[in-house]
Amino acid sequence: MAVIKYYGAIAEAAQCNEEQMAVADLKISDCMALLKEKYKLHALEISIALNQNLVEIDSTIKLSDSDEIALLPPFAGG
């Protein structure tokens, strides 16, 4: 099971800071579509980190159950 971590407004919408999810054979874009629908995140601007590296939300990278995925709100500052 992959660990999905939520921060800021995304954690508020999901009503949790993290959860586990079976993601084997899903792409990042597939996973994001599922999470956006589940938690009604369509209006939020989201960045994604896969194993602590930022990736594109529409990435076709395949996920595995050992991954850590973080959904991040917009960054402030420079």
C-alpha atoms as a PDB file:
ATOM      1  CA  MET A   1       0.000   0.000   0.000  1.00  0.00           C
ATOM      2  CA  ALA A   2       1.311   3.432  -0.925  1.00  0.00           C
ATOM      3  CA  VAL A   3       1.191   6.227   1.626  1.00  0.00           C
ATOM      4  CA  ILE A   4      -0.701   9.329   0.494  1.00  0.00           C
ATOM      5  CA  LYS A   5       0.071  12.460   2.547  1.00  0.00           C
ATOM      6  CA  TYR A   6      -2.070  15.593   2.520  1.00  0.00           C
ATOM      7  CA  TYR A   7      -1.071  19.124   3.543  1.00  0.00           C
ATOM      8  CA  GLY A   8      -2.837  22.449   4.125  1.00  0.00           C
ATOM      9  CA  ALA A   9      -6.220  22.958   2.446  1.00  0.00           C
ATOM     10  CA  ILE A  10      -5.895  19.530   0.830  1.00  0.00           C
ATOM     11  CA  ALA A  11      -5.707  17.852   4.262  1.00  0.00           C
ATOM     12  CA  GLU A  12      -8.726  19.886   5.346  1.00  0.00           C
ATOM     13  CA  ALA A  13     -10.727  18.737   2.313  1.00  0.00           C
ATOM     14  CA  ALA A  14      -9.678  15.105   2.829  1.00  0.00           C
ATOM     15  CA  GLN A  15     -10.247  15.400   6.596  1.00  0.00           C
ATOM     16  CA  CYS A  16      -7.021  13.506   7.242  1.00  0.00           C
ATOM     17  CA  ASN A  17      -3.264  14.017   7.002  1.00  0.00           C
ATOM     18  CA  GLU A  18      -2.460  10.675   5.424  1.00  0.00           C
ATOM     19  CA  GLU A  19      -3.912   7.396   4.282  1.00  0.00           C
ATOM     20  CA  GLN A  20      -2.855   4.219   2.551  1.00  0.00           C
ATOM     21  CA  MET A  21      -4.046   3.278  -0.902  1.00  0.00           C
ATOM     22  CA  ALA A  22      -3.425   0.390  -3.293  1.00  0.00           C
ATOM     23  CA  VAL A  23      -1.859   2.023  -6.361  1.00  0.00           C
ATOM     24  CA  ALA A  24      -0.168  -0.858  -8.168  1.00  0.00           C
ATOM     25  CA  ASP A  25      -0.414  -0.362 -11.943  1.00  0.00           C
ATOM     26  CA  LEU A  26      -1.853   3.163 -11.605  1.00  0.00           C
ATOM     27  CA  LYS A  27      -0.154   6.195 -13.132  1.00  0.00           C
ATOM     28  CA  ILE A  28       0.163   9.407 -11.144  1.00  0.00           C
ATOM     29  CA  SER A  29      -2.475  11.001 -13.370  1.00  0.00           C
ATOM     30  CA  ASP A  30      -4.898   8.106 -12.620  1.00  0.00           C
ATOM     31  CA  CYS A  31      -4.266   8.338  -8.897  1.00  0.00           C
ATOM     32  CA  MET A  32      -4.842  12.098  -8.929  1.00  0.00           C
ATOM     33  CA  ALA A  33      -8.102  11.710 -10.830  1.00  0.00           C
ATOM     34  CA  LEU A  34      -9.340   9.241  -8.195  1.00  0.00           C
ATOM     35  CA  LEU A  35      -8.308  11.459  -5.279  1.00  0.00           C
ATOM     36  CA  LYS A  36      -9.734  14.624  -6.846  1.00  0.00           C
ATOM     37  CA  GLU A  37     -13.075  12.891  -7.277  1.00  0.00           C
ATOM     38  CA  LYS A  38     -13.048  11.238  -3.841  1.00  0.00           C
ATOM     39  CA  TYR A  39     -12.287  14.467  -1.951  1.00  0.00           C
ATOM     40  CA  LYS A  40     -13.744  17.036  -4.405  1.00  0.00           C
ATOM     41  CA  LEU A  41     -10.325  18.651  -4.958  1.00  0.00           C
ATOM     42  CA  HIS A  42     -11.052  19.936  -8.478  1.00  0.00           C
ATOM     43  CA  ALA A  43     -10.919  23.614  -7.475  1.00  0.00           C
ATOM     44  CA  LEU A  44      -7.638  23.356  -5.544  1.00  0.00           C
ATOM     45  CA  GLU A  45      -4.238  24.018  -7.023  1.00  0.00           C
ATOM     46  CA  ILE A  46      -2.132  20.980  -6.143  1.00  0.00           C
ATOM     47  CA  SER A  47       1.525  20.041  -6.495  1.00  0.00           C
ATOM     48  CA  ILE A  48       2.588  16.415  -6.166  1.00  0.00           C
ATOM     49  CA  ALA A  49       5.712  14.873  -4.740  1.00  0.00           C
ATOM     50  CA  LEU A  50       6.519  11.234  -5.455  1.00  0.00           C
ATOM     51  CA  ASN A  51       9.050   9.843  -2.992  1.00  0.00           C
ATOM     52  CA  GLN A  52       9.994  13.427  -2.048  1.00  0.00           C
ATOM     53  CA  ASN A  53      10.548  14.591  -5.658  1.00  0.00           C
ATOM     54  CA  LEU A  54       8.128  16.992  -7.349  1.00  0.00           C
ATOM     55  CA  VAL A  55       6.392  15.535 -10.419  1.00  0.00           C
ATOM     56  CA  GLU A  56       3.784  16.787 -12.871  1.00  0.00           C
ATOM     57  CA  ILE A  57       0.147  16.157 -11.934  1.00  0.00           C
ATOM     58  CA  ASP A  58      -0.509  14.604 -15.358  1.00  0.00           C
ATOM     59  CA  SER A  59       2.594  12.397 -15.231  1.00  0.00           C
ATOM     60  CA  THR A  60       2.437   8.921 -16.722  1.00  0.00           C
ATOM     61  CA  ILE A  61       4.901   7.530 -14.172  1.00  0.00           C
ATOM     62  CA  LYS A  62       3.628   4.163 -12.895  1.00  0.00           C
ATOM     63  CA  LEU A  63       3.168   3.914  -9.144  1.00  0.00           C
ATOM     64  CA  SER A  64       4.019   1.036  -6.854  1.00  0.00           C
ATOM     65  CA  ASP A  65       2.695   0.105  -3.427  1.00  0.00           C
ATOM     66  CA  SER A  66       5.980   1.142  -1.800  1.00  0.00           C
ATOM     67  CA  ASP A  67       5.657   4.782  -2.947  1.00  0.00           C
ATOM     68  CA  GLU A  68       5.028   7.871  -0.854  1.00  0.00           C
ATOM     69  CA  ILE A  69       2.826  10.445  -2.558  1.00  0.00           C
ATOM     70  CA  ALA A  70       2.366  13.922  -1.101  1.00  0.00           C
ATOM     71  CA  LEU A  71      -0.328  16.347  -2.228  1.00  0.00           C
ATOM     72  CA  LEU A  72       0.908  19.852  -1.576  1.00  0.00           C
ATOM     73  CA  PRO A  73      -0.873  23.210  -1.581  1.00  0.00           C
ATOM     74  CA  PRO A  74       0.628  26.173  -3.480  1.00  0.00           C
ATOM     75  CA  PHE A  75       4.025  27.250  -2.189  1.00  0.00           C
ATOM     76  CA  ALA A  76       4.586  30.747  -0.804  1.00  0.00           C
ATOM     77  CA  GLY A  77       7.809  32.695  -0.770  1.00  0.00           C
ATOM     78  CA  GLY A  78      10.885  32.287  -2.879  1.00  0.00           C
END
